[in-house]
Amino acid sequence: MAKATTGDTVKVAYTGTLKDGTVFDKAGSEKPIQFTLGNKQLISGFEQAVEGMEVGEKKSFSLSSDQAYGEYNQNAVVETSRNVLPDNVEPEVGMRLQAQDRNGNPVPVVISELGESTVKLDANHPLAGKDLSFEVELVDIQDKGDEQEAS
C-alpha cells in the first residue's frame, strides 16, 4: 500500500486536544482537511507525523509548542491607547481585531486587557506556548502521478 510522501495531496481526519483534554480543532472523516505534504500549509510537526502513513492508518502524537505555534512571545503584546480602535468598536477582552504592522501588513490580534484609556493587544497565535496532541487518520492520498494524469 502507498505511503504519503512529500508532494502528495492528502486528506486527513483528526482531533486536536490540549493537555487538559480540551478539543481545540477537529475534522471528521466526512469532511477531512486536504493539504499537500511539504507545502507548509500546516504546522510542520503535523505534516511530519502524517508523512509515511498509509490510507486508513490511525496515529496519535503530541507536539511541543516549539513544533506547533511556537513559544508565547511577551513582545507580541502591546499596550496602546483606546483611541487607536475604530469608533464603532466597543472593546471587550477576547475580541479579535485586525491591526497593521509597520509595513501595513494585516496582523490578527486579540484584546487581552482593558484599562480606562488603554487596551492590550496580543498578536500571539491563540495556541502559542501550548503543547498539542492529535488523533489522526489518513483518509486519502492523491500522489504526484495522479495529479499529472488528471491535468
N, C-alpha and C. Protein backbone atom coordinates (compact mmCIF):
# COMPACT_ATOMS: atom_id res chain seq x y z
N MET A 1 0.85 -1.19 0.00
CA MET A 1 0.00 0.00 0.00
C MET A 1 0.89 1.25 0.00
N ALA A 2 0.44 2.28 -0.69
CA ALA A 2 1.22 3.52 -0.82
C ALA A 2 1.28 4.28 0.50
N LYS A 3 2.42 4.89 0.72
CA LYS A 3 2.61 5.73 1.90
C LYS A 3 2.65 7.18 1.46
N ALA A 4 2.14 8.07 2.29
CA ALA A 4 2.13 9.51 1.99
C ALA A 4 3.56 10.04 2.00
N THR A 5 3.92 10.74 0.92
CA THR A 5 5.26 11.32 0.81
C THR A 5 5.16 12.78 0.40
N THR A 6 6.26 13.50 0.54
CA THR A 6 6.32 14.91 0.16
C THR A 6 5.81 15.09 -1.26
N GLY A 7 4.93 16.06 -1.45
CA GLY A 7 4.34 16.33 -2.76
C GLY A 7 2.97 15.71 -2.94
N ASP A 8 2.63 14.72 -2.11
CA ASP A 8 1.30 14.11 -2.19
C ASP A 8 0.26 15.03 -1.58
N THR A 9 -0.91 15.08 -2.21
CA THR A 9 -2.05 15.76 -1.62
C THR A 9 -2.80 14.72 -0.81
N VAL A 10 -3.02 15.00 0.47
CA VAL A 10 -3.64 14.03 1.37
C VAL A 10 -4.90 14.61 1.99
N LYS A 11 -5.76 13.70 2.44
CA LYS A 11 -6.94 14.07 3.22
C LYS A 11 -6.81 13.38 4.57
N VAL A 12 -6.99 14.18 5.63
CA VAL A 12 -6.77 13.69 6.98
C VAL A 12 -7.95 14.08 7.88
N ALA A 13 -8.45 13.09 8.62
CA ALA A 13 -9.42 13.36 9.69
C ALA A 13 -8.61 13.44 10.98
N TYR A 14 -8.97 14.35 11.87
CA TYR A 14 -8.18 14.49 13.10
C TYR A 14 -8.97 15.16 14.20
N THR A 15 -8.48 14.98 15.41
CA THR A 15 -8.94 15.72 16.58
C THR A 15 -7.70 16.24 17.28
N GLY A 16 -7.67 17.53 17.55
CA GLY A 16 -6.55 18.15 18.27
C GLY A 16 -6.99 18.53 19.66
N THR A 17 -6.19 18.15 20.66
CA THR A 17 -6.53 18.45 22.05
C THR A 17 -5.36 19.09 22.78
N LEU A 18 -5.69 19.80 23.86
CA LEU A 18 -4.69 20.36 24.76
C LEU A 18 -4.42 19.35 25.88
N LYS A 19 -3.43 19.64 26.71
CA LYS A 19 -3.06 18.73 27.81
C LYS A 19 -4.24 18.37 28.70
N ASP A 20 -5.15 19.34 28.91
CA ASP A 20 -6.29 19.09 29.80
C ASP A 20 -7.44 18.37 29.11
N GLY A 21 -7.25 17.98 27.84
CA GLY A 21 -8.28 17.26 27.11
C GLY A 21 -9.21 18.14 26.30
N THR A 22 -9.08 19.45 26.41
CA THR A 22 -9.93 20.37 25.65
C THR A 22 -9.66 20.20 24.15
N VAL A 23 -10.73 20.01 23.37
CA VAL A 23 -10.61 19.90 21.92
C VAL A 23 -10.50 21.31 21.35
N PHE A 24 -9.40 21.59 20.61
CA PHE A 24 -9.24 22.92 20.02
C PHE A 24 -9.55 22.91 18.53
N ASP A 25 -9.57 21.74 17.91
CA ASP A 25 -9.90 21.67 16.48
C ASP A 25 -10.22 20.23 16.12
N LYS A 26 -11.08 20.08 15.08
CA LYS A 26 -11.50 18.74 14.69
C LYS A 26 -11.97 18.75 13.24
N ALA A 27 -11.63 17.70 12.51
CA ALA A 27 -12.13 17.49 11.16
C ALA A 27 -12.45 16.01 11.04
N GLY A 28 -13.72 15.68 10.89
CA GLY A 28 -14.13 14.29 10.81
C GLY A 28 -13.87 13.68 9.44
N SER A 29 -14.02 12.36 9.33
CA SER A 29 -13.73 11.67 8.07
C SER A 29 -14.72 12.06 6.97
N GLU A 30 -15.90 12.58 7.34
CA GLU A 30 -16.86 13.03 6.33
C GLU A 30 -16.45 14.37 5.72
N LYS A 31 -15.64 15.15 6.44
CA LYS A 31 -15.13 16.43 5.94
C LYS A 31 -13.67 16.59 6.37
N PRO A 32 -12.79 15.72 5.86
CA PRO A 32 -11.38 15.81 6.27
C PRO A 32 -10.71 17.05 5.69
N ILE A 33 -9.57 17.43 6.29
CA ILE A 33 -8.79 18.53 5.72
C ILE A 33 -7.94 17.97 4.59
N GLN A 34 -7.68 18.79 3.61
CA GLN A 34 -6.83 18.39 2.48
C GLN A 34 -5.66 19.36 2.40
N PHE A 35 -4.46 18.81 2.23
CA PHE A 35 -3.27 19.63 2.07
C PHE A 35 -2.21 18.83 1.32
N THR A 36 -1.20 19.53 0.84
CA THR A 36 -0.10 18.90 0.13
C THR A 36 1.11 18.85 1.05
N LEU A 37 1.60 17.64 1.28
CA LEU A 37 2.76 17.47 2.16
C LEU A 37 3.96 18.21 1.60
N GLY A 38 4.61 18.98 2.45
CA GLY A 38 5.79 19.73 2.06
C GLY A 38 5.52 21.16 1.64
N ASN A 39 4.24 21.54 1.49
CA ASN A 39 3.91 22.90 1.08
C ASN A 39 3.78 23.86 2.26
N LYS A 40 4.02 23.36 3.46
CA LYS A 40 3.99 24.17 4.68
C LYS A 40 2.64 24.86 4.88
N GLN A 41 1.57 24.12 4.57
CA GLN A 41 0.22 24.65 4.77
C GLN A 41 -0.23 24.47 6.22
N LEU A 42 0.37 23.52 6.91
CA LEU A 42 0.04 23.23 8.30
C LEU A 42 1.31 23.30 9.13
N ILE A 43 1.17 23.22 10.44
CA ILE A 43 2.36 23.24 11.28
C ILE A 43 3.25 22.05 10.91
N SER A 44 4.55 22.27 10.94
CA SER A 44 5.50 21.28 10.43
C SER A 44 5.41 19.96 11.18
N GLY A 45 5.23 19.98 12.48
CA GLY A 45 5.14 18.75 13.25
C GLY A 45 3.98 17.87 12.81
N PHE A 46 2.87 18.50 12.42
CA PHE A 46 1.70 17.76 11.96
C PHE A 46 2.02 17.10 10.62
N GLU A 47 2.58 17.87 9.68
CA GLU A 47 2.94 17.31 8.38
C GLU A 47 3.92 16.16 8.52
N GLN A 48 4.93 16.33 9.39
CA GLN A 48 5.93 15.28 9.58
C GLN A 48 5.30 14.00 10.11
N ALA A 49 4.30 14.12 10.98
CA ALA A 49 3.64 12.94 11.54
C ALA A 49 2.81 12.21 10.49
N VAL A 50 2.22 12.94 9.54
CA VAL A 50 1.39 12.32 8.51
C VAL A 50 2.24 11.64 7.45
N GLU A 51 3.43 12.18 7.20
CA GLU A 51 4.31 11.59 6.19
C GLU A 51 4.64 10.15 6.58
N GLY A 52 4.49 9.26 5.62
CA GLY A 52 4.76 7.84 5.84
C GLY A 52 3.54 7.03 6.23
N MET A 53 2.42 7.70 6.49
CA MET A 53 1.19 6.96 6.83
C MET A 53 0.56 6.37 5.58
N GLU A 54 -0.22 5.30 5.76
CA GLU A 54 -0.98 4.67 4.69
C GLU A 54 -2.45 5.00 4.86
N VAL A 55 -3.21 4.96 3.76
CA VAL A 55 -4.66 5.22 3.82
C VAL A 55 -5.29 4.25 4.82
N GLY A 56 -6.13 4.80 5.71
CA GLY A 56 -6.80 4.01 6.74
C GLY A 56 -6.02 3.91 8.03
N GLU A 57 -4.75 4.27 8.00
CA GLU A 57 -3.92 4.20 9.20
C GLU A 57 -4.31 5.30 10.17
N LYS A 58 -4.30 4.96 11.46
CA LYS A 58 -4.59 5.92 12.52
C LYS A 58 -3.34 6.07 13.37
N LYS A 59 -3.14 7.28 13.89
CA LYS A 59 -1.94 7.57 14.67
C LYS A 59 -2.27 8.62 15.71
N SER A 60 -1.62 8.50 16.86
CA SER A 60 -1.69 9.51 17.91
C SER A 60 -0.30 10.08 18.09
N PHE A 61 -0.20 11.39 18.27
CA PHE A 61 1.09 12.01 18.51
C PHE A 61 0.90 13.33 19.24
N SER A 62 1.98 13.77 19.87
CA SER A 62 1.97 15.05 20.58
C SER A 62 3.07 15.93 20.02
N LEU A 63 2.83 17.24 20.03
CA LEU A 63 3.80 18.22 19.58
C LEU A 63 4.04 19.22 20.70
N SER A 64 5.30 19.49 20.97
CA SER A 64 5.61 20.54 21.93
C SER A 64 5.32 21.87 21.25
N SER A 65 5.20 22.91 22.03
CA SER A 65 4.83 24.21 21.47
C SER A 65 5.80 24.67 20.39
N ASP A 66 7.10 24.34 20.53
CA ASP A 66 8.06 24.77 19.50
C ASP A 66 7.88 24.04 18.19
N GLN A 67 7.21 22.87 18.19
CA GLN A 67 6.91 22.14 16.96
C GLN A 67 5.56 22.57 16.39
N ALA A 68 4.83 23.36 17.15
CA ALA A 68 3.48 23.75 16.75
C ALA A 68 3.45 25.24 16.42
N TYR A 69 2.95 26.07 17.32
CA TYR A 69 2.80 27.50 17.05
C TYR A 69 3.84 28.36 17.76
N GLY A 70 4.87 27.72 18.29
CA GLY A 70 5.95 28.46 18.92
C GLY A 70 5.64 28.81 20.37
N GLU A 71 6.66 29.34 21.02
CA GLU A 71 6.52 29.77 22.40
C GLU A 71 5.71 31.07 22.45
N TYR A 72 5.08 31.30 23.59
CA TYR A 72 4.35 32.55 23.79
C TYR A 72 5.38 33.68 23.86
N ASN A 73 5.18 34.72 23.06
CA ASN A 73 6.13 35.83 22.97
C ASN A 73 5.54 37.08 23.64
N GLN A 74 6.05 37.42 24.80
CA GLN A 74 5.55 38.58 25.53
C GLN A 74 5.73 39.87 24.73
N ASN A 75 6.73 39.90 23.83
CA ASN A 75 6.96 41.08 22.99
C ASN A 75 5.87 41.28 21.95
N ALA A 76 5.02 40.27 21.75
CA ALA A 76 3.92 40.39 20.80
C ALA A 76 2.66 40.96 21.45
N VAL A 77 2.79 41.38 22.70
CA VAL A 77 1.69 42.02 23.43
C VAL A 77 2.05 43.49 23.59
N VAL A 78 1.17 44.36 23.10
CA VAL A 78 1.43 45.79 23.19
C VAL A 78 0.26 46.49 23.86
N GLU A 79 0.61 47.50 24.66
CA GLU A 79 -0.41 48.34 25.28
C GLU A 79 -0.47 49.63 24.48
N THR A 80 -1.67 50.02 24.13
CA THR A 80 -1.84 51.23 23.32
C THR A 80 -3.09 51.97 23.78
N SER A 81 -3.28 53.15 23.26
CA SER A 81 -4.44 53.96 23.60
C SER A 81 -5.71 53.38 22.97
N ARG A 82 -6.81 53.47 23.70
CA ARG A 82 -8.10 53.03 23.14
C ARG A 82 -8.45 53.85 21.89
N ASN A 83 -7.85 55.02 21.75
CA ASN A 83 -8.15 55.89 20.61
C ASN A 83 -7.76 55.26 19.27
N VAL A 84 -6.87 54.27 19.27
CA VAL A 84 -6.47 53.64 18.01
C VAL A 84 -7.55 52.70 17.48
N LEU A 85 -8.50 52.34 18.32
CA LEU A 85 -9.58 51.46 17.89
C LEU A 85 -10.61 52.25 17.08
N PRO A 86 -11.23 51.61 16.10
CA PRO A 86 -12.29 52.30 15.34
C PRO A 86 -13.42 52.75 16.27
N ASP A 87 -14.04 53.87 15.93
CA ASP A 87 -15.11 54.43 16.76
C ASP A 87 -16.27 53.47 16.95
N ASN A 88 -16.54 52.62 15.96
CA ASN A 88 -17.70 51.73 16.03
C ASN A 88 -17.42 50.44 16.81
N VAL A 89 -16.22 50.30 17.39
CA VAL A 89 -15.86 49.10 18.14
C VAL A 89 -15.98 49.36 19.64
N GLU A 90 -16.81 48.55 20.29
CA GLU A 90 -16.91 48.58 21.75
C GLU A 90 -16.01 47.45 22.25
N PRO A 91 -14.80 47.78 22.72
CA PRO A 91 -13.82 46.74 23.03
C PRO A 91 -14.22 45.85 24.20
N GLU A 92 -13.91 44.54 24.05
CA GLU A 92 -14.13 43.55 25.10
C GLU A 92 -12.93 42.62 25.12
N VAL A 93 -12.56 42.15 26.30
CA VAL A 93 -11.48 41.16 26.40
C VAL A 93 -11.88 39.93 25.60
N GLY A 94 -10.95 39.44 24.79
CA GLY A 94 -11.21 38.27 23.95
C GLY A 94 -11.63 38.62 22.53
N MET A 95 -11.97 39.89 22.31
CA MET A 95 -12.38 40.33 20.97
C MET A 95 -11.21 40.23 20.00
N ARG A 96 -11.48 39.70 18.82
CA ARG A 96 -10.46 39.59 17.78
C ARG A 96 -10.57 40.78 16.84
N LEU A 97 -9.42 41.36 16.55
CA LEU A 97 -9.35 42.51 15.65
C LEU A 97 -8.21 42.30 14.66
N GLN A 98 -8.15 43.16 13.69
CA GLN A 98 -7.03 43.12 12.76
C GLN A 98 -6.29 44.44 12.83
N ALA A 99 -5.01 44.37 13.16
CA ALA A 99 -4.16 45.56 13.20
C ALA A 99 -3.25 45.53 11.98
N GLN A 100 -2.37 46.49 11.89
CA GLN A 100 -1.39 46.52 10.81
C GLN A 100 0.00 46.66 11.41
N ASP A 101 0.96 45.96 10.79
CA ASP A 101 2.34 46.14 11.24
C ASP A 101 2.91 47.40 10.59
N ARG A 102 4.18 47.66 10.84
CA ARG A 102 4.81 48.89 10.34
C ARG A 102 4.84 48.99 8.82
N ASN A 103 4.74 47.84 8.16
CA ASN A 103 4.75 47.82 6.69
C ASN A 103 3.33 47.81 6.11
N GLY A 104 2.33 47.92 6.98
CA GLY A 104 0.96 47.94 6.50
C GLY A 104 0.34 46.57 6.31
N ASN A 105 1.06 45.51 6.71
CA ASN A 105 0.53 44.15 6.57
C ASN A 105 -0.47 43.85 7.69
N PRO A 106 -1.53 43.10 7.39
CA PRO A 106 -2.52 42.78 8.42
C PRO A 106 -1.94 41.83 9.47
N VAL A 107 -2.29 42.08 10.73
CA VAL A 107 -1.86 41.25 11.85
C VAL A 107 -3.08 40.98 12.73
N PRO A 108 -3.50 39.71 12.86
CA PRO A 108 -4.62 39.42 13.76
C PRO A 108 -4.19 39.60 15.21
N VAL A 109 -5.03 40.25 16.01
CA VAL A 109 -4.75 40.48 17.42
C VAL A 109 -6.01 40.17 18.24
N VAL A 110 -5.79 39.96 19.52
CA VAL A 110 -6.88 39.74 20.46
C VAL A 110 -6.72 40.74 21.59
N ILE A 111 -7.83 41.33 22.01
CA ILE A 111 -7.78 42.23 23.17
C ILE A 111 -7.60 41.36 24.40
N SER A 112 -6.48 41.56 25.10
CA SER A 112 -6.19 40.72 26.27
C SER A 112 -6.46 41.44 27.59
N GLU A 113 -6.53 42.77 27.55
CA GLU A 113 -6.76 43.54 28.77
C GLU A 113 -7.29 44.92 28.41
N LEU A 114 -8.19 45.43 29.24
CA LEU A 114 -8.73 46.77 29.03
C LEU A 114 -8.44 47.64 30.25
N GLY A 115 -7.94 48.85 29.98
CA GLY A 115 -7.78 49.85 31.02
C GLY A 115 -8.75 50.98 30.74
N GLU A 116 -8.75 51.99 31.57
CA GLU A 116 -9.66 53.11 31.35
C GLU A 116 -9.41 53.80 30.02
N SER A 117 -8.15 54.01 29.71
CA SER A 117 -7.82 54.70 28.45
C SER A 117 -6.89 53.88 27.56
N THR A 118 -6.58 52.65 27.99
CA THR A 118 -5.66 51.81 27.22
C THR A 118 -6.28 50.45 26.91
N VAL A 119 -5.64 49.78 25.99
CA VAL A 119 -6.03 48.42 25.61
C VAL A 119 -4.76 47.64 25.33
N LYS A 120 -4.72 46.37 25.78
CA LYS A 120 -3.59 45.50 25.46
C LYS A 120 -4.01 44.59 24.32
N LEU A 121 -3.17 44.58 23.27
CA LEU A 121 -3.42 43.77 22.09
C LEU A 121 -2.37 42.66 22.02
N ASP A 122 -2.82 41.43 21.84
CA ASP A 122 -1.94 40.26 21.82
C ASP A 122 -1.92 39.68 20.40
N ALA A 123 -0.74 39.69 19.78
CA ALA A 123 -0.60 39.18 18.41
C ALA A 123 -0.10 37.74 18.37
N ASN A 124 0.03 37.09 19.53
CA ASN A 124 0.41 35.68 19.54
C ASN A 124 -0.71 34.83 18.97
N HIS A 125 -0.35 33.71 18.34
CA HIS A 125 -1.36 32.74 17.91
C HIS A 125 -2.05 32.24 19.18
N PRO A 126 -3.37 31.99 19.14
CA PRO A 126 -4.07 31.53 20.34
C PRO A 126 -3.48 30.24 20.94
N LEU A 127 -2.80 29.43 20.14
CA LEU A 127 -2.21 28.19 20.65
C LEU A 127 -0.71 28.30 20.92
N ALA A 128 -0.16 29.52 20.83
CA ALA A 128 1.27 29.71 21.12
C ALA A 128 1.55 29.32 22.56
N GLY A 129 2.67 28.63 22.77
CA GLY A 129 3.07 28.23 24.11
C GLY A 129 2.37 27.00 24.62
N LYS A 130 1.54 26.38 23.80
CA LYS A 130 0.79 25.21 24.24
C LYS A 130 1.29 23.95 23.52
N ASP A 131 1.39 22.85 24.28
CA ASP A 131 1.69 21.55 23.70
C ASP A 131 0.39 20.97 23.18
N LEU A 132 0.43 20.34 22.02
CA LEU A 132 -0.78 19.85 21.35
C LEU A 132 -0.71 18.34 21.15
N SER A 133 -1.86 17.68 21.24
CA SER A 133 -1.96 16.25 20.96
C SER A 133 -2.97 16.04 19.83
N PHE A 134 -2.70 15.05 19.00
CA PHE A 134 -3.56 14.77 17.86
C PHE A 134 -3.87 13.29 17.74
N GLU A 135 -5.08 12.99 17.32
CA GLU A 135 -5.50 11.67 16.86
C GLU A 135 -5.80 11.88 15.38
N VAL A 136 -5.08 11.20 14.49
CA VAL A 136 -5.27 11.41 13.05
C VAL A 136 -5.56 10.09 12.34
N GLU A 137 -6.27 10.21 11.23
CA GLU A 137 -6.50 9.09 10.32
C GLU A 137 -6.26 9.60 8.91
N LEU A 138 -5.41 8.91 8.17
CA LEU A 138 -5.17 9.27 6.78
C LEU A 138 -6.32 8.69 5.96
N VAL A 139 -7.12 9.56 5.37
CA VAL A 139 -8.32 9.17 4.64
C VAL A 139 -8.03 8.89 3.17
N ASP A 140 -7.13 9.68 2.55
CA ASP A 140 -6.87 9.52 1.12
C ASP A 140 -5.51 10.12 0.77
N ILE A 141 -4.89 9.56 -0.28
CA ILE A 141 -3.65 10.09 -0.84
C ILE A 141 -3.86 10.26 -2.34
N GLN A 142 -3.55 11.45 -2.82
CA GLN A 142 -3.51 11.67 -4.26
C GLN A 142 -2.05 11.97 -4.56
N ASP A 143 -1.33 10.99 -5.10
CA ASP A 143 0.10 11.21 -5.28
C ASP A 143 0.37 12.08 -6.50
N LYS A 144 1.61 12.46 -6.64
CA LYS A 144 2.02 13.38 -7.71
C LYS A 144 1.62 12.86 -9.09
N GLY A 145 1.71 11.56 -9.29
CA GLY A 145 1.33 10.97 -10.58
C GLY A 145 -0.14 11.11 -10.88
N ASP A 146 -1.00 10.95 -9.84
CA ASP A 146 -2.45 11.11 -10.03
C ASP A 146 -2.77 12.53 -10.48
N GLU A 147 -2.09 13.53 -9.88
CA GLU A 147 -2.38 14.92 -10.25
C GLU A 147 -1.99 15.18 -11.69
N GLN A 148 -0.86 14.60 -12.14
CA GLN A 148 -0.40 14.82 -13.52
C GLN A 148 -1.36 14.17 -14.51
N GLU A 149 -1.88 12.96 -14.16
CA GLU A 149 -2.81 12.29 -15.05
C GLU A 149 -4.12 13.07 -15.17
N ALA A 150 -4.53 13.74 -14.09
CA ALA A 150 -5.79 14.48 -14.09
C ALA A 150 -5.67 15.78 -14.88
N SER A 151 -4.44 16.25 -15.15
CA SER A 151 -4.24 17.52 -15.86
C SER A 151 -4.57 17.40 -17.30
